[in-house]
Amino acid sequence: MAIVIRSAESSDAEAFQRLSSLPQIQENTLGMPYPSLEHWQKHLAGNGIDGCWHFTAMAEDQVAGILTIENPQHPRLRHKTTFGLFVDPALAGKSIGSALMEFCLSYSFDWLAARKIELEVFPDNEAAIALYKKFGFEPEGLRKASALRKGQFADVLLMGLSAPIVD
């Protein structure tokens, strides 16, 4: 299966809304459930503004995954990026997550000159953690009762990856 990653476009809003509303995705992200179509239209209209970029993984002529990379604009935090991604559950196991991760690392390190990439993940999201570890991310800490999830406060695992050292 060919996977093409491109900058998200306004025409992707409906697919973003559909995917981000799936229960399997909602329970493993820190976003609010059931985001409106207008929510995604607004975000995609401002793609690349204020240090936030959205990307789309296309497979079989459909939106197969979504990646958001954020680069804080605060002078003391500009050296890092954070990201979130999700893959259409119907296409899980088809290397879409790996393709998005490769793109995330390249975009962050090669184009944004990030020195570090950070992420937050629920500790029971084993598939995501395995993907992150595959790309070299290491656990850096645990925020206890940090995020509301299904009406309960849940822990959040912090992971990070430093830029490769170039001689």
C-alpha atoms as a PDB file:
ATOM      1  CA  MET A   1       0.000   0.000   0.000  1.00  0.00           C
ATOM      2  CA  ALA A   2       1.430   3.342  -1.042  1.00  0.00           C
ATOM      3  CA  ILE A   3       1.312   5.996   1.675  1.00  0.00           C
ATOM      4  CA  VAL A   4       1.626   9.648   0.739  1.00  0.00           C
ATOM      5  CA  ILE A   5       1.982  12.306   3.418  1.00  0.00           C
ATOM      6  CA  ARG A   6       1.060  15.848   2.493  1.00  0.00           C
ATOM      7  CA  SER A   7       0.075  19.100   4.119  1.00  0.00           C
ATOM      8  CA  ALA A   8      -3.529  18.950   5.274  1.00  0.00           C
ATOM      9  CA  GLU A   9      -5.993  20.876   3.148  1.00  0.00           C
ATOM     10  CA  SER A  10      -9.359  22.419   3.912  1.00  0.00           C
ATOM     11  CA  SER A  11     -10.975  19.604   1.923  1.00  0.00           C
ATOM     12  CA  ASP A  12      -9.668  17.165   4.586  1.00  0.00           C
ATOM     13  CA  ALA A  13     -11.845  18.671   7.332  1.00  0.00           C
ATOM     14  CA  GLU A  14     -14.670  16.169   6.932  1.00  0.00           C
ATOM     15  CA  ALA A  15     -12.297  13.190   7.123  1.00  0.00           C
ATOM     16  CA  PHE A  16     -10.505  14.717  10.137  1.00  0.00           C
ATOM     17  CA  GLN A  17     -13.858  15.206  11.863  1.00  0.00           C
ATOM     18  CA  ARG A  18     -14.947  11.632  11.092  1.00  0.00           C
ATOM     19  CA  LEU A  19     -11.711  10.044  12.317  1.00  0.00           C
ATOM     20  CA  SER A  20     -11.368  12.178  15.444  1.00  0.00           C
ATOM     21  CA  SER A  21     -14.939  11.260  16.405  1.00  0.00           C
ATOM     22  CA  LEU A  22     -14.300   7.503  16.432  1.00  0.00           C
ATOM     23  CA  PRO A  23     -14.453   6.074  19.985  1.00  0.00           C
ATOM     24  CA  GLN A  24     -11.193   4.124  19.486  1.00  0.00           C
ATOM     25  CA  ILE A  25      -9.411   7.382  18.712  1.00  0.00           C
ATOM     26  CA  GLN A  26     -11.175   9.568  21.268  1.00  0.00           C
ATOM     27  CA  GLU A  27     -10.264   7.346  24.194  1.00  0.00           C
ATOM     28  CA  ASN A  28      -6.555   7.539  23.377  1.00  0.00           C
ATOM     29  CA  THR A  29      -6.130  11.245  22.634  1.00  0.00           C
ATOM     30  CA  LEU A  30      -6.201  14.340  24.797  1.00  0.00           C
ATOM     31  CA  GLY A  31      -8.600  16.160  22.471  1.00  0.00           C
ATOM     32  CA  MET A  32     -12.226  16.821  23.243  1.00  0.00           C
ATOM     33  CA  PRO A  33     -14.660  14.213  21.893  1.00  0.00           C
ATOM     34  CA  TYR A  34     -16.775  14.774  18.800  1.00  0.00           C
ATOM     35  CA  PRO A  35     -15.076  17.874  17.411  1.00  0.00           C
ATOM     36  CA  SER A  36     -17.287  19.701  14.962  1.00  0.00           C
ATOM     37  CA  LEU A  37     -16.633  20.059  11.272  1.00  0.00           C
ATOM     38  CA  GLU A  38     -16.232  23.809  11.901  1.00  0.00           C
ATOM     39  CA  HIS A  39     -13.499  23.034  14.454  1.00  0.00           C
ATOM     40  CA  TRP A  40     -11.445  21.236  11.821  1.00  0.00           C
ATOM     41  CA  GLN A  41     -12.231  23.776   9.114  1.00  0.00           C
ATOM     42  CA  LYS A  42     -10.880  26.529  11.367  1.00  0.00           C
ATOM     43  CA  HIS A  43      -7.726  24.589  12.266  1.00  0.00           C
ATOM     44  CA  LEU A  44      -6.988  23.615   8.691  1.00  0.00           C
ATOM     45  CA  ALA A  45      -7.585  27.156   7.439  1.00  0.00           C
ATOM     46  CA  GLY A  46      -4.775  28.269   9.772  1.00  0.00           C
ATOM     47  CA  ASN A  47      -2.458  25.378   8.929  1.00  0.00           C
ATOM     48  CA  GLY A  48       1.149  26.410   9.577  1.00  0.00           C
ATOM     49  CA  ILE A  49       0.210  29.563  11.468  1.00  0.00           C
ATOM     50  CA  ASP A  50       1.378  30.061  15.055  1.00  0.00           C
ATOM     51  CA  GLY A  51       3.700  27.064  14.955  1.00  0.00           C
ATOM     52  CA  CYS A  52       1.072  24.382  14.328  1.00  0.00           C
ATOM     53  CA  TRP A  53       1.093  22.177  11.236  1.00  0.00           C
ATOM     54  CA  HIS A  54      -1.388  19.478  10.216  1.00  0.00           C
ATOM     55  CA  PHE A  55      -0.484  16.675   7.825  1.00  0.00           C
ATOM     56  CA  THR A  56      -2.530  13.979   6.160  1.00  0.00           C
ATOM     57  CA  ALA A  57      -1.471  10.416   5.397  1.00  0.00           C
ATOM     58  CA  MET A  58      -3.214   9.267   2.246  1.00  0.00           C
ATOM     59  CA  ALA A  59      -3.582   5.566   1.402  1.00  0.00           C
ATOM     60  CA  GLU A  60      -5.856   4.062  -1.203  1.00  0.00           C
ATOM     61  CA  ASP A  61      -7.166   7.550  -2.064  1.00  0.00           C
ATOM     62  CA  GLN A  62      -8.467   8.163   1.444  1.00  0.00           C
ATOM     63  CA  VAL A  63      -7.334   9.920   4.603  1.00  0.00           C
ATOM     64  CA  ALA A  64      -5.642   7.134   6.536  1.00  0.00           C
ATOM     65  CA  GLY A  65      -3.985   9.122   9.310  1.00  0.00           C
ATOM     66  CA  ILE A  66      -3.437  12.554  10.750  1.00  0.00           C
ATOM     67  CA  LEU A  67      -0.346  14.184  12.240  1.00  0.00           C
ATOM     68  CA  THR A  68      -0.196  17.509  14.068  1.00  0.00           C
ATOM     69  CA  ILE A  69       3.194  19.017  14.909  1.00  0.00           C
ATOM     70  CA  GLU A  70       3.444  21.981  17.251  1.00  0.00           C
ATOM     71  CA  ASN A  71       6.517  24.158  17.682  1.00  0.00           C
ATOM     72  CA  PRO A  72       6.136  26.511  20.657  1.00  0.00           C
ATOM     73  CA  GLN A  73       6.828  30.119  19.780  1.00  0.00           C
ATOM     74  CA  HIS A  74       8.108  31.018  23.245  1.00  0.00           C
ATOM     75  CA  PRO A  75      11.848  31.787  22.884  1.00  0.00           C
ATOM     76  CA  ARG A  76      12.840  29.348  25.613  1.00  0.00           C
ATOM     77  CA  LEU A  77      10.813  26.479  24.132  1.00  0.00           C
ATOM     78  CA  ARG A  78      11.383  26.890  20.382  1.00  0.00           C
ATOM     79  CA  HIS A  79      14.022  24.159  20.389  1.00  0.00           C
ATOM     80  CA  LYS A  80      11.418  21.423  20.685  1.00  0.00           C
ATOM     81  CA  THR A  81       8.286  20.138  19.040  1.00  0.00           C
ATOM     82  CA  THR A  82       5.345  18.153  20.296  1.00  0.00           C
ATOM     83  CA  PHE A  83       3.020  16.095  18.181  1.00  0.00           C
ATOM     84  CA  GLY A  84      -0.114  14.024  18.082  1.00  0.00           C
ATOM     85  CA  LEU A  85      -1.140  11.472  15.537  1.00  0.00           C
ATOM     86  CA  PHE A  86      -3.830   8.968  14.867  1.00  0.00           C
ATOM     87  CA  VAL A  87      -4.492   6.346  12.253  1.00  0.00           C
ATOM     88  CA  ASP A  88      -7.820   5.158  10.906  1.00  0.00           C
ATOM     89  CA  PRO A  89      -8.476   1.984  12.971  1.00  0.00           C
ATOM     90  CA  ALA A  90      -9.677   0.231   9.803  1.00  0.00           C
ATOM     91  CA  LEU A  91      -6.141   0.640   8.414  1.00  0.00           C
ATOM     92  CA  ALA A  92      -4.176  -0.248  11.555  1.00  0.00           C
ATOM     93  CA  GLY A  93      -1.136  -2.453  11.032  1.00  0.00           C
ATOM     94  CA  LYS A  94      -0.423  -1.148   7.527  1.00  0.00           C
ATOM     95  CA  SER A  95       2.635   0.998   8.446  1.00  0.00           C
ATOM     96  CA  ILE A  96       0.709   4.283   8.377  1.00  0.00           C
ATOM     97  CA  GLY A  97       1.781   5.127  11.931  1.00  0.00           C
ATOM     98  CA  SER A  98       5.411   4.404  11.035  1.00  0.00           C
ATOM     99  CA  ALA A  99       5.200   6.589   7.931  1.00  0.00           C
ATOM    100  CA  LEU A 100       3.750   9.436  10.004  1.00  0.00           C
ATOM    101  CA  MET A 101       6.489   9.007  12.622  1.00  0.00           C
ATOM    102  CA  GLU A 102       9.255   9.095   9.999  1.00  0.00           C
ATOM    103  CA  PHE A 103       7.718  12.263   8.587  1.00  0.00           C
ATOM    104  CA  CYS A 104       7.365  13.809  12.067  1.00  0.00           C
ATOM    105  CA  LEU A 105      11.026  13.219  12.898  1.00  0.00           C
ATOM    106  CA  SER A 106      12.225  14.560   9.559  1.00  0.00           C
ATOM    107  CA  TYR A 107      10.000  17.641   9.681  1.00  0.00           C
ATOM    108  CA  SER A 108      10.905  18.416  13.291  1.00  0.00           C
ATOM    109  CA  PHE A 109      14.658  17.843  13.090  1.00  0.00           C
ATOM    110  CA  ASP A 110      15.397  18.756   9.471  1.00  0.00           C
ATOM    111  CA  TRP A 111      12.985  21.625   8.826  1.00  0.00           C
ATOM    112  CA  LEU A 112      12.139  23.123  12.212  1.00  0.00           C
ATOM    113  CA  ALA A 113      15.655  22.632  13.639  1.00  0.00           C
ATOM    114  CA  ALA A 114      14.160  21.049  16.752  1.00  0.00           C
ATOM    115  CA  ARG A 115      16.628  19.660  19.257  1.00  0.00           C
ATOM    116  CA  LYS A 116      13.967  17.545  20.953  1.00  0.00           C
ATOM    117  CA  ILE A 117      10.551  16.030  20.274  1.00  0.00           C
ATOM    118  CA  GLU A 118       8.180  15.411  23.176  1.00  0.00           C
ATOM    119  CA  LEU A 119       4.870  13.608  23.476  1.00  0.00           C
ATOM    120  CA  GLU A 120       2.234  12.587  25.979  1.00  0.00           C
ATOM    121  CA  VAL A 121       0.478   9.220  25.852  1.00  0.00           C
ATOM    122  CA  PHE A 122      -1.802   7.233  28.122  1.00  0.00           C
ATOM    123  CA  PRO A 123       0.266   4.443  29.758  1.00  0.00           C
ATOM    124  CA  ASP A 124      -2.171   1.737  28.625  1.00  0.00           C
ATOM    125  CA  ASN A 125      -1.916   2.712  24.946  1.00  0.00           C
ATOM    126  CA  GLU A 126       0.555  -0.096  24.307  1.00  0.00           C
ATOM    127  CA  ALA A 127       0.438   0.075  20.507  1.00  0.00           C
ATOM    128  CA  ALA A 128       1.320   3.773  20.490  1.00  0.00           C
ATOM    129  CA  ILE A 129       4.088   3.341  23.061  1.00  0.00           C
ATOM    130  CA  ALA A 130       5.582   0.480  21.029  1.00  0.00           C
ATOM    131  CA  LEU A 131       5.543   2.704  17.930  1.00  0.00           C
ATOM    132  CA  TYR A 132       7.230   5.563  19.777  1.00  0.00           C
ATOM    133  CA  LYS A 133       9.898   3.262  21.244  1.00  0.00           C
ATOM    134  CA  LYS A 134      10.534   1.828  17.761  1.00  0.00           C
ATOM    135  CA  PHE A 135      11.576   5.352  16.750  1.00  0.00           C
ATOM    136  CA  GLY A 136      13.806   5.871  19.784  1.00  0.00           C
ATOM    137  CA  PHE A 137      11.497   7.708  22.180  1.00  0.00           C
ATOM    138  CA  GLU A 138      12.159   7.044  25.849  1.00  0.00           C
ATOM    139  CA  PRO A 139       9.909   7.467  28.885  1.00  0.00           C
ATOM    140  CA  GLU A 140      10.767  10.656  30.777  1.00  0.00           C
ATOM    141  CA  GLY A 141       8.169  10.754  33.498  1.00  0.00           C
ATOM    142  CA  LEU A 142       4.606  10.171  34.568  1.00  0.00           C
ATOM    143  CA  ARG A 143       2.049  12.854  35.314  1.00  0.00           C
ATOM    144  CA  LYS A 144      -0.310  11.399  37.887  1.00  0.00           C
ATOM    145  CA  ALA A 145      -4.049  12.002  37.414  1.00  0.00           C
ATOM    146  CA  SER A 146      -3.218  14.512  34.691  1.00  0.00           C
ATOM    147  CA  ALA A 147      -5.961  14.087  32.089  1.00  0.00           C
ATOM    148  CA  LEU A 148      -9.673  13.492  32.241  1.00  0.00           C
ATOM    149  CA  ARG A 149     -10.537  10.268  30.436  1.00  0.00           C
ATOM    150  CA  LYS A 150     -13.981   8.683  30.459  1.00  0.00           C
ATOM    151  CA  GLY A 151     -14.906  10.667  33.561  1.00  0.00           C
ATOM    152  CA  GLN A 152     -11.810   9.626  35.531  1.00  0.00           C
ATOM    153  CA  PHE A 153      -8.472  11.338  36.001  1.00  0.00           C
ATOM    154  CA  ALA A 154      -5.795   9.288  34.276  1.00  0.00           C
ATOM    155  CA  ASP A 155      -2.013   9.265  34.338  1.00  0.00           C
ATOM    156  CA  VAL A 156      -0.105  10.498  31.297  1.00  0.00           C
ATOM    157  CA  LEU A 157       3.284   9.109  30.271  1.00  0.00           C
ATOM    158  CA  LEU A 158       5.817  11.670  29.038  1.00  0.00           C
ATOM    159  CA  MET A 159       8.223  10.520  26.331  1.00  0.00           C
ATOM    160  CA  GLY A 160      10.986  12.314  24.475  1.00  0.00           C
ATOM    161  CA  LEU A 161      13.565  11.983  21.741  1.00  0.00           C
ATOM    162  CA  SER A 162      16.625  14.191  21.338  1.00  0.00           C
ATOM    163  CA  ALA A 163      17.934  15.135  17.911  1.00  0.00           C
ATOM    164  CA  PRO A 164      20.731  12.977  16.570  1.00  0.00           C
ATOM    165  CA  ILE A 165      24.180  14.407  17.160  1.00  0.00           C
ATOM    166  CA  VAL A 166      25.818  15.366  13.882  1.00  0.00           C
ATOM    167  CA  ASP A 167      29.614  15.474  13.702  1.00  0.00           C
END
